Amino acid sequence: MDVKSFRLSTEVWTGLALIVIGLLVQAAGLHSVLTVALAPFGLGLVLSDMLTRFGRATRERVKVRIRRDDR
């Protein structure tokens, strides 16, 4: 996985911002449905980007061997 592209990803920065904002708002004492959902949604956004990048890197790395008899 390329760390530089991961750091430049807008999904990662948006997810981290949602996590920070969600935790700050909850620490301030606001507990509405929106404020409680911000941090988990941000975490899901970061994880989905990570898993997509990991899957793409794995798919590029794996080699499938085909025997000549199977053609």
PDB file of N, CA and C in Angstrom:
ATOM      1  N   MET A   1       0.852  -1.168   0.000  1.00  0.00           N
ATOM      2  CA  MET A   1       0.000   0.000   0.000  1.00  0.00           C
ATOM      3  C   MET A   1       0.902   1.237   0.000  1.00  0.00           C
ATOM      4  N   ASP A   2       0.565   2.185  -0.822  1.00  0.00           N
ATOM      5  CA  ASP A   2       1.347   3.410  -0.951  1.00  0.00           C
ATOM      6  C   ASP A   2       0.910   4.408   0.122  1.00  0.00           C
ATOM      7  N   VAL A   3       1.816   4.747   1.019  1.00  0.00           N
ATOM      8  CA  VAL A   3       1.487   5.626   2.151  1.00  0.00           C
ATOM      9  C   VAL A   3       1.225   7.049   1.682  1.00  0.00           C
ATOM     10  N   LYS A   4       1.962   7.504   0.683  1.00  0.00           N
ATOM     11  CA  LYS A   4       1.794   8.880   0.223  1.00  0.00           C
ATOM     12  C   LYS A   4       0.398   9.103  -0.368  1.00  0.00           C
ATOM     13  N   SER A   5      -0.067   8.181  -1.198  1.00  0.00           N
ATOM     14  CA  SER A   5      -1.407   8.335  -1.766  1.00  0.00           C
ATOM     15  C   SER A   5      -2.479   8.183  -0.693  1.00  0.00           C
ATOM     16  N   PHE A   6      -2.178   7.379   0.334  1.00  0.00           N
ATOM     17  CA  PHE A   6      -3.121   7.225   1.440  1.00  0.00           C
ATOM     18  C   PHE A   6      -3.250   8.533   2.215  1.00  0.00           C
ATOM     19  N   ARG A   7      -2.120   9.234   2.415  1.00  0.00           N
ATOM     20  CA  ARG A   7      -2.156  10.513   3.135  1.00  0.00           C
ATOM     21  C   ARG A   7      -2.862  11.594   2.331  1.00  0.00           C
ATOM     22  N   LEU A   8      -2.799  11.522   1.011  1.00  0.00           N
ATOM     23  CA  LEU A   8      -3.398  12.542   0.156  1.00  0.00           C
ATOM     24  C   LEU A   8      -4.859  12.251  -0.183  1.00  0.00           C
ATOM     25  N   SER A   9      -5.386  11.146   0.298  1.00  0.00           N
ATOM     26  CA  SER A   9      -6.751  10.757  -0.016  1.00  0.00           C
ATOM     27  C   SER A   9      -7.763  11.677   0.670  1.00  0.00           C
ATOM     28  N   THR A  10      -8.727  12.146  -0.107  1.00  0.00           N
ATOM     29  CA  THR A  10      -9.758  13.013   0.474  1.00  0.00           C
ATOM     30  C   THR A  10     -10.690  12.238   1.394  1.00  0.00           C
ATOM     31  N   GLU A  11     -10.887  10.945   1.126  1.00  0.00           N
ATOM     32  CA  GLU A  11     -11.730  10.137   2.015  1.00  0.00           C
ATOM     33  C   GLU A  11     -11.108  10.005   3.398  1.00  0.00           C
ATOM     34  N   VAL A  12      -9.802   9.847   3.444  1.00  0.00           N
ATOM     35  CA  VAL A  12      -9.123   9.703   4.734  1.00  0.00           C
ATOM     36  C   VAL A  12      -9.206  11.009   5.520  1.00  0.00           C
ATOM     37  N   TRP A  13      -8.922  12.131   4.878  1.00  0.00           N
ATOM     38  CA  TRP A  13      -8.980  13.424   5.568  1.00  0.00           C
ATOM     39  C   TRP A  13     -10.402  13.757   6.002  1.00  0.00           C
ATOM     40  N   THR A  14     -11.385  13.449   5.163  1.00  0.00           N
ATOM     41  CA  THR A  14     -12.769  13.694   5.541  1.00  0.00           C
ATOM     42  C   THR A  14     -13.167  12.815   6.716  1.00  0.00           C
ATOM     43  N   GLY A  15     -12.761  11.548   6.672  1.00  0.00           N
ATOM     44  CA  GLY A  15     -13.055  10.636   7.778  1.00  0.00           C
ATOM     45  C   GLY A  15     -12.416  11.073   9.081  1.00  0.00           C
ATOM     46  N   LEU A  16     -11.162  11.489   9.019  1.00  0.00           N
ATOM     47  CA  LEU A  16     -10.491  11.962  10.233  1.00  0.00           C
ATOM     48  C   LEU A  16     -11.152  13.225  10.775  1.00  0.00           C
ATOM     49  N   ALA A  17     -11.566  14.111   9.875  1.00  0.00           N
ATOM     50  CA  ALA A  17     -12.256  15.330  10.321  1.00  0.00           C
ATOM     51  C   ALA A  17     -13.585  14.981  10.984  1.00  0.00           C
ATOM     52  N   LEU A  18     -14.322  14.039  10.411  1.00  0.00           N
ATOM     53  CA  LEU A  18     -15.594  13.631  11.021  1.00  0.00           C
ATOM     54  C   LEU A  18     -15.386  12.995  12.386  1.00  0.00           C
ATOM     55  N   ILE A  19     -14.333  12.217  12.529  1.00  0.00           N
ATOM     56  CA  ILE A  19     -14.031  11.603  13.829  1.00  0.00           C
ATOM     57  C   ILE A  19     -13.726  12.682  14.867  1.00  0.00           C
ATOM     58  N   VAL A  20     -12.859  13.619  14.506  1.00  0.00           N
ATOM     59  CA  VAL A  20     -12.471  14.681  15.443  1.00  0.00           C
ATOM     60  C   VAL A  20     -13.673  15.556  15.805  1.00  0.00           C
ATOM     61  N   ILE A  21     -14.439  15.966  14.808  1.00  0.00           N
ATOM     62  CA  ILE A  21     -15.616  16.809  15.072  1.00  0.00           C
ATOM     63  C   ILE A  21     -16.621  16.064  15.927  1.00  0.00           C
ATOM     64  N   GLY A  22     -16.856  14.791  15.618  1.00  0.00           N
ATOM     65  CA  GLY A  22     -17.808  14.002  16.402  1.00  0.00           C
ATOM     66  C   GLY A  22     -17.399  13.870  17.852  1.00  0.00           C
ATOM     67  N   LEU A  23     -16.109  13.621  18.084  1.00  0.00           N
ATOM     68  CA  LEU A  23     -15.642  13.493  19.463  1.00  0.00           C
ATOM     69  C   LEU A  23     -15.670  14.826  20.200  1.00  0.00           C
ATOM     70  N   LEU A  24     -15.323  15.912  19.506  1.00  0.00           N
ATOM     71  CA  LEU A  24     -15.368  17.231  20.149  1.00  0.00           C
ATOM     72  C   LEU A  24     -16.794  17.633  20.512  1.00  0.00           C
ATOM     73  N   VAL A  25     -17.730  17.375  19.634  1.00  0.00           N
ATOM     74  CA  VAL A  25     -19.123  17.746  19.897  1.00  0.00           C
ATOM     75  C   VAL A  25     -19.692  16.908  21.036  1.00  0.00           C
ATOM     76  N   GLN A  26     -19.321  15.617  21.074  1.00  0.00           N
ATOM     77  CA  GLN A  26     -19.789  14.787  22.188  1.00  0.00           C
ATOM     78  C   GLN A  26     -19.160  15.226  23.505  1.00  0.00           C
ATOM     79  N   ALA A  27     -17.895  15.642  23.467  1.00  0.00           N
ATOM     80  CA  ALA A  27     -17.240  16.120  24.680  1.00  0.00           C
ATOM     81  C   ALA A  27     -17.857  17.436  25.152  1.00  0.00           C
ATOM     82  N   ALA A  28     -18.416  18.204  24.208  1.00  0.00           N
ATOM     83  CA  ALA A  28     -19.072  19.462  24.568  1.00  0.00           C
ATOM     84  C   ALA A  28     -20.437  19.233  25.206  1.00  0.00           C
ATOM     85  N   GLY A  29     -20.935  18.014  25.116  1.00  0.00           N
ATOM     86  CA  GLY A  29     -22.200  17.707  25.793  1.00  0.00           C
ATOM     87  C   GLY A  29     -23.393  17.596  24.883  1.00  0.00           C
ATOM     88  N   LEU A  30     -23.215  17.694  23.590  1.00  0.00           N
ATOM     89  CA  LEU A  30     -24.328  17.521  22.660  1.00  0.00           C
ATOM     90  C   LEU A  30     -24.423  16.051  22.269  1.00  0.00           C
ATOM     91  N   HIS A  31     -25.610  15.477  22.434  1.00  0.00           N
ATOM     92  CA  HIS A  31     -25.764  14.046  22.168  1.00  0.00           C
ATOM     93  C   HIS A  31     -26.975  13.792  21.266  1.00  0.00           C
ATOM     94  N   SER A  32     -27.053  14.497  20.169  1.00  0.00           N
ATOM     95  CA  SER A  32     -28.136  14.230  19.223  1.00  0.00           C
ATOM     96  C   SER A  32     -27.734  13.051  18.340  1.00  0.00           C
ATOM     97  N   VAL A  33     -28.654  12.604  17.505  1.00  0.00           N
ATOM     98  CA  VAL A  33     -28.391  11.464  16.629  1.00  0.00           C
ATOM     99  C   VAL A  33     -27.238  11.782  15.673  1.00  0.00           C
ATOM    100  N   LEU A  34     -27.191  12.982  15.150  1.00  0.00           N
ATOM    101  CA  LEU A  34     -26.144  13.367  14.207  1.00  0.00           C
ATOM    102  C   LEU A  34     -24.767  13.372  14.871  1.00  0.00           C
ATOM    103  N   THR A  35     -24.668  13.939  16.045  1.00  0.00           N
ATOM    104  CA  THR A  35     -23.364  14.025  16.698  1.00  0.00           C
ATOM    105  C   THR A  35     -22.853  12.663  17.136  1.00  0.00           C
ATOM    106  N   VAL A  36     -23.753  11.776  17.510  1.00  0.00           N
ATOM    107  CA  VAL A  36     -23.341  10.433  17.922  1.00  0.00           C
ATOM    108  C   VAL A  36     -22.897   9.620  16.709  1.00  0.00           C
ATOM    109  N   ALA A  37     -23.433   9.920  15.525  1.00  0.00           N
ATOM    110  CA  ALA A  37     -23.111   9.152  14.323  1.00  0.00           C
ATOM    111  C   ALA A  37     -21.875   9.658  13.587  1.00  0.00           C
ATOM    112  N   LEU A  38     -21.379  10.840  13.897  1.00  0.00           N
ATOM    113  CA  LEU A  38     -20.251  11.400  13.152  1.00  0.00           C
ATOM    114  C   LEU A  38     -18.976  10.565  13.267  1.00  0.00           C
ATOM    115  N   ALA A  39     -18.567  10.225  14.467  1.00  0.00           N
ATOM    116  CA  ALA A  39     -17.312   9.493  14.656  1.00  0.00           C
ATOM    117  C   ALA A  39     -17.345   8.098  14.019  1.00  0.00           C
ATOM    118  N   PRO A  40     -18.383   7.295  14.231  1.00  0.00           N
ATOM    119  CA  PRO A  40     -18.404   5.978  13.567  1.00  0.00           C
ATOM    120  C   PRO A  40     -18.460   6.083  12.039  1.00  0.00           C
ATOM    121  N   PHE A  41     -19.160   7.075  11.519  1.00  0.00           N
ATOM    122  CA  PHE A  41     -19.215   7.251  10.070  1.00  0.00           C
ATOM    123  C   PHE A  41     -17.835   7.617   9.519  1.00  0.00           C
ATOM    124  N   GLY A  42     -17.115   8.482  10.222  1.00  0.00           N
ATOM    125  CA  GLY A  42     -15.759   8.846   9.810  1.00  0.00           C
ATOM    126  C   GLY A  42     -14.824   7.651   9.843  1.00  0.00           C
ATOM    127  N   LEU A  43     -14.938   6.828  10.870  1.00  0.00           N
ATOM    128  CA  LEU A  43     -14.113   5.626  10.962  1.00  0.00           C
ATOM    129  C   LEU A  43     -14.435   4.671   9.813  1.00  0.00           C
ATOM    130  N   GLY A  44     -15.700   4.519   9.492  1.00  0.00           N
ATOM    131  CA  GLY A  44     -16.094   3.667   8.372  1.00  0.00           C
ATOM    132  C   GLY A  44     -15.561   4.192   7.052  1.00  0.00           C
ATOM    133  N   LEU A  45     -15.545   5.489   6.898  1.00  0.00           N
ATOM    134  CA  LEU A  45     -15.027   6.099   5.670  1.00  0.00           C
ATOM    135  C   LEU A  45     -13.531   5.825   5.510  1.00  0.00           C
ATOM    136  N   VAL A  46     -12.781   5.962   6.581  1.00  0.00           N
ATOM    137  CA  VAL A  46     -11.342   5.689   6.529  1.00  0.00           C
ATOM    138  C   VAL A  46     -11.095   4.206   6.269  1.00  0.00           C
ATOM    139  N   LEU A  47     -11.823   3.339   6.966  1.00  0.00           N
ATOM    140  CA  LEU A  47     -11.624   1.903   6.784  1.00  0.00           C
ATOM    141  C   LEU A  47     -12.003   1.440   5.382  1.00  0.00           C
ATOM    142  N   SER A  48     -13.060   2.006   4.818  1.00  0.00           N
ATOM    143  CA  SER A  48     -13.446   1.599   3.464  1.00  0.00           C
ATOM    144  C   SER A  48     -12.376   1.988   2.454  1.00  0.00           C
ATOM    145  N   ASP A  49     -11.760   3.150   2.630  1.00  0.00           N
ATOM    146  CA  ASP A  49     -10.680   3.550   1.731  1.00  0.00           C
ATOM    147  C   ASP A  49      -9.474   2.641   1.905  1.00  0.00           C
ATOM    148  N   MET A  50      -9.145   2.294   3.150  1.00  0.00           N
ATOM    149  CA  MET A  50      -8.016   1.411   3.402  1.00  0.00           C
ATOM    150  C   MET A  50      -8.247   0.035   2.789  1.00  0.00           C
ATOM    151  N   LEU A  51      -9.431  -0.527   2.984  1.00  0.00           N
ATOM    152  CA  LEU A  51      -9.708  -1.859   2.463  1.00  0.00           C
ATOM    153  C   LEU A  51      -9.739  -1.877   0.940  1.00  0.00           C
ATOM    154  N   THR A  52     -10.240  -0.809   0.332  1.00  0.00           N
ATOM    155  CA  THR A  52     -10.239  -0.722  -1.131  1.00  0.00           C
ATOM    156  C   THR A  52      -8.821  -0.688  -1.662  1.00  0.00           C
ATOM    157  N   ARG A  53      -7.967   0.106  -1.047  1.00  0.00           N
ATOM    158  CA  ARG A  53      -6.570   0.176  -1.484  1.00  0.00           C
ATOM    159  C   ARG A  53      -5.845  -1.144  -1.241  1.00  0.00           C
ATOM    160  N   PHE A  54      -6.116  -1.784  -0.117  1.00  0.00           N
ATOM    161  CA  PHE A  54      -5.478  -3.061   0.189  1.00  0.00           C
ATOM    162  C   PHE A  54      -5.915  -4.133  -0.812  1.00  0.00           C
ATOM    163  N   GLY A  55      -7.192  -4.169  -1.140  1.00  0.00           N
ATOM    164  CA  GLY A  55      -7.701  -5.135  -2.109  1.00  0.00           C
ATOM    165  C   GLY A  55      -7.118  -4.914  -3.491  1.00  0.00           C
ATOM    166  N   ARG A  56      -7.021  -3.672  -3.912  1.00  0.00           N
ATOM    167  CA  ARG A  56      -6.450  -3.353  -5.223  1.00  0.00           C
ATOM    168  C   ARG A  56      -4.971  -3.748  -5.278  1.00  0.00           C
ATOM    169  N   ALA A  57      -4.223  -3.471  -4.212  1.00  0.00           N
ATOM    170  CA  ALA A  57      -2.805  -3.824  -4.177  1.00  0.00           C
ATOM    171  C   ALA A  57      -2.621  -5.344  -4.175  1.00  0.00           C
ATOM    172  N   THR A  58      -3.477  -6.045  -3.461  1.00  0.00           N
ATOM    173  CA  THR A  58      -3.397  -7.501  -3.419  1.00  0.00           C
ATOM    174  C   THR A  58      -3.719  -8.096  -4.776  1.00  0.00           C
ATOM    175  N   ARG A  59      -4.735  -7.580  -5.438  1.00  0.00           N
ATOM    176  CA  ARG A  59      -5.127  -8.086  -6.748  1.00  0.00           C
ATOM    177  C   ARG A  59      -4.004  -7.888  -7.769  1.00  0.00           C
ATOM    178  N   GLU A  60      -3.294  -6.773  -7.679  1.00  0.00           N
ATOM    179  CA  GLU A  60      -2.186  -6.530  -8.600  1.00  0.00           C
ATOM    180  C   GLU A  60      -0.985  -7.421  -8.310  1.00  0.00           C
ATOM    181  N   ARG A  61      -0.830  -7.844  -7.075  1.00  0.00           N
ATOM    182  CA  ARG A  61       0.320  -8.634  -6.664  1.00  0.00           C
ATOM    183  C   ARG A  61       0.142 -10.131  -6.934  1.00  0.00           C
ATOM    184  N   VAL A  62      -1.088 -10.620  -6.921  1.00  0.00           N
ATOM    185  CA  VAL A  62      -1.350 -12.049  -7.058  1.00  0.00           C
ATOM    186  C   VAL A  62      -1.242 -12.465  -8.519  1.00  0.00           C
ATOM    187  N   LYS A  63      -0.554 -13.570  -8.739  1.00  0.00           N
ATOM    188  CA  LYS A  63      -0.432 -14.105 -10.088  1.00  0.00           C
ATOM    189  C   LYS A  63      -1.210 -15.411 -10.168  1.00  0.00           C
ATOM    190  N   VAL A  64      -2.027 -15.538 -11.174  1.00  0.00           N
ATOM    191  CA  VAL A  64      -2.805 -16.752 -11.379  1.00  0.00           C
ATOM    192  C   VAL A  64      -2.119 -17.560 -12.466  1.00  0.00           C
ATOM    193  N   ARG A  65      -1.781 -18.780 -12.154  1.00  0.00           N
ATOM    194  CA  ARG A  65      -1.114 -19.635 -13.128  1.00  0.00           C
ATOM    195  C   ARG A  65      -2.139 -20.540 -13.784  1.00  0.00           C
ATOM    196  N   ILE A  66      -2.072 -20.615 -15.091  1.00  0.00           N
ATOM    197  CA  ILE A  66      -2.983 -21.449 -15.868  1.00  0.00           C
ATOM    198  C   ILE A  66      -2.156 -22.525 -16.560  1.00  0.00           C
ATOM    199  N   ARG A  67      -2.529 -23.771 -16.327  1.00  0.00           N
ATOM    200  CA  ARG A  67      -1.810 -24.853 -16.987  1.00  0.00           C
ATOM    201  C   ARG A  67      -2.187 -24.867 -18.457  1.00  0.00           C
ATOM    202  N   ARG A  68      -1.281 -25.295 -19.273  1.00  0.00           N
ATOM    203  CA  ARG A  68      -1.521 -25.344 -20.715  1.00  0.00           C
ATOM    204  C   ARG A  68      -2.591 -26.378 -21.066  1.00  0.00           C
ATOM    205  N   ASP A  69      -2.775 -27.374 -20.245  1.00  0.00           N
ATOM    206  CA  ASP A  69      -3.783 -28.409 -20.501  1.00  0.00           C
ATOM    207  C   ASP A  69      -5.198 -27.872 -20.354  1.00  0.00           C
ATOM    208  N   ASP A  70      -5.373 -26.833 -19.560  1.00  0.00           N
ATOM    209  CA  ASP A  70      -6.704 -26.297 -19.271  1.00  0.00           C
ATOM    210  C   ASP A  70      -7.223 -25.347 -20.331  1.00  0.00           C
ATOM    211  N   ARG A  71      -6.426 -24.971 -21.287  1.00  0.00           N
ATOM    212  CA  ARG A  71      -6.884 -24.009 -22.299  1.00  0.00           C
ATOM    213  C   ARG A  71      -7.833 -24.588 -23.257  1.00  0.00           C
TER     214      ARG A  71
END
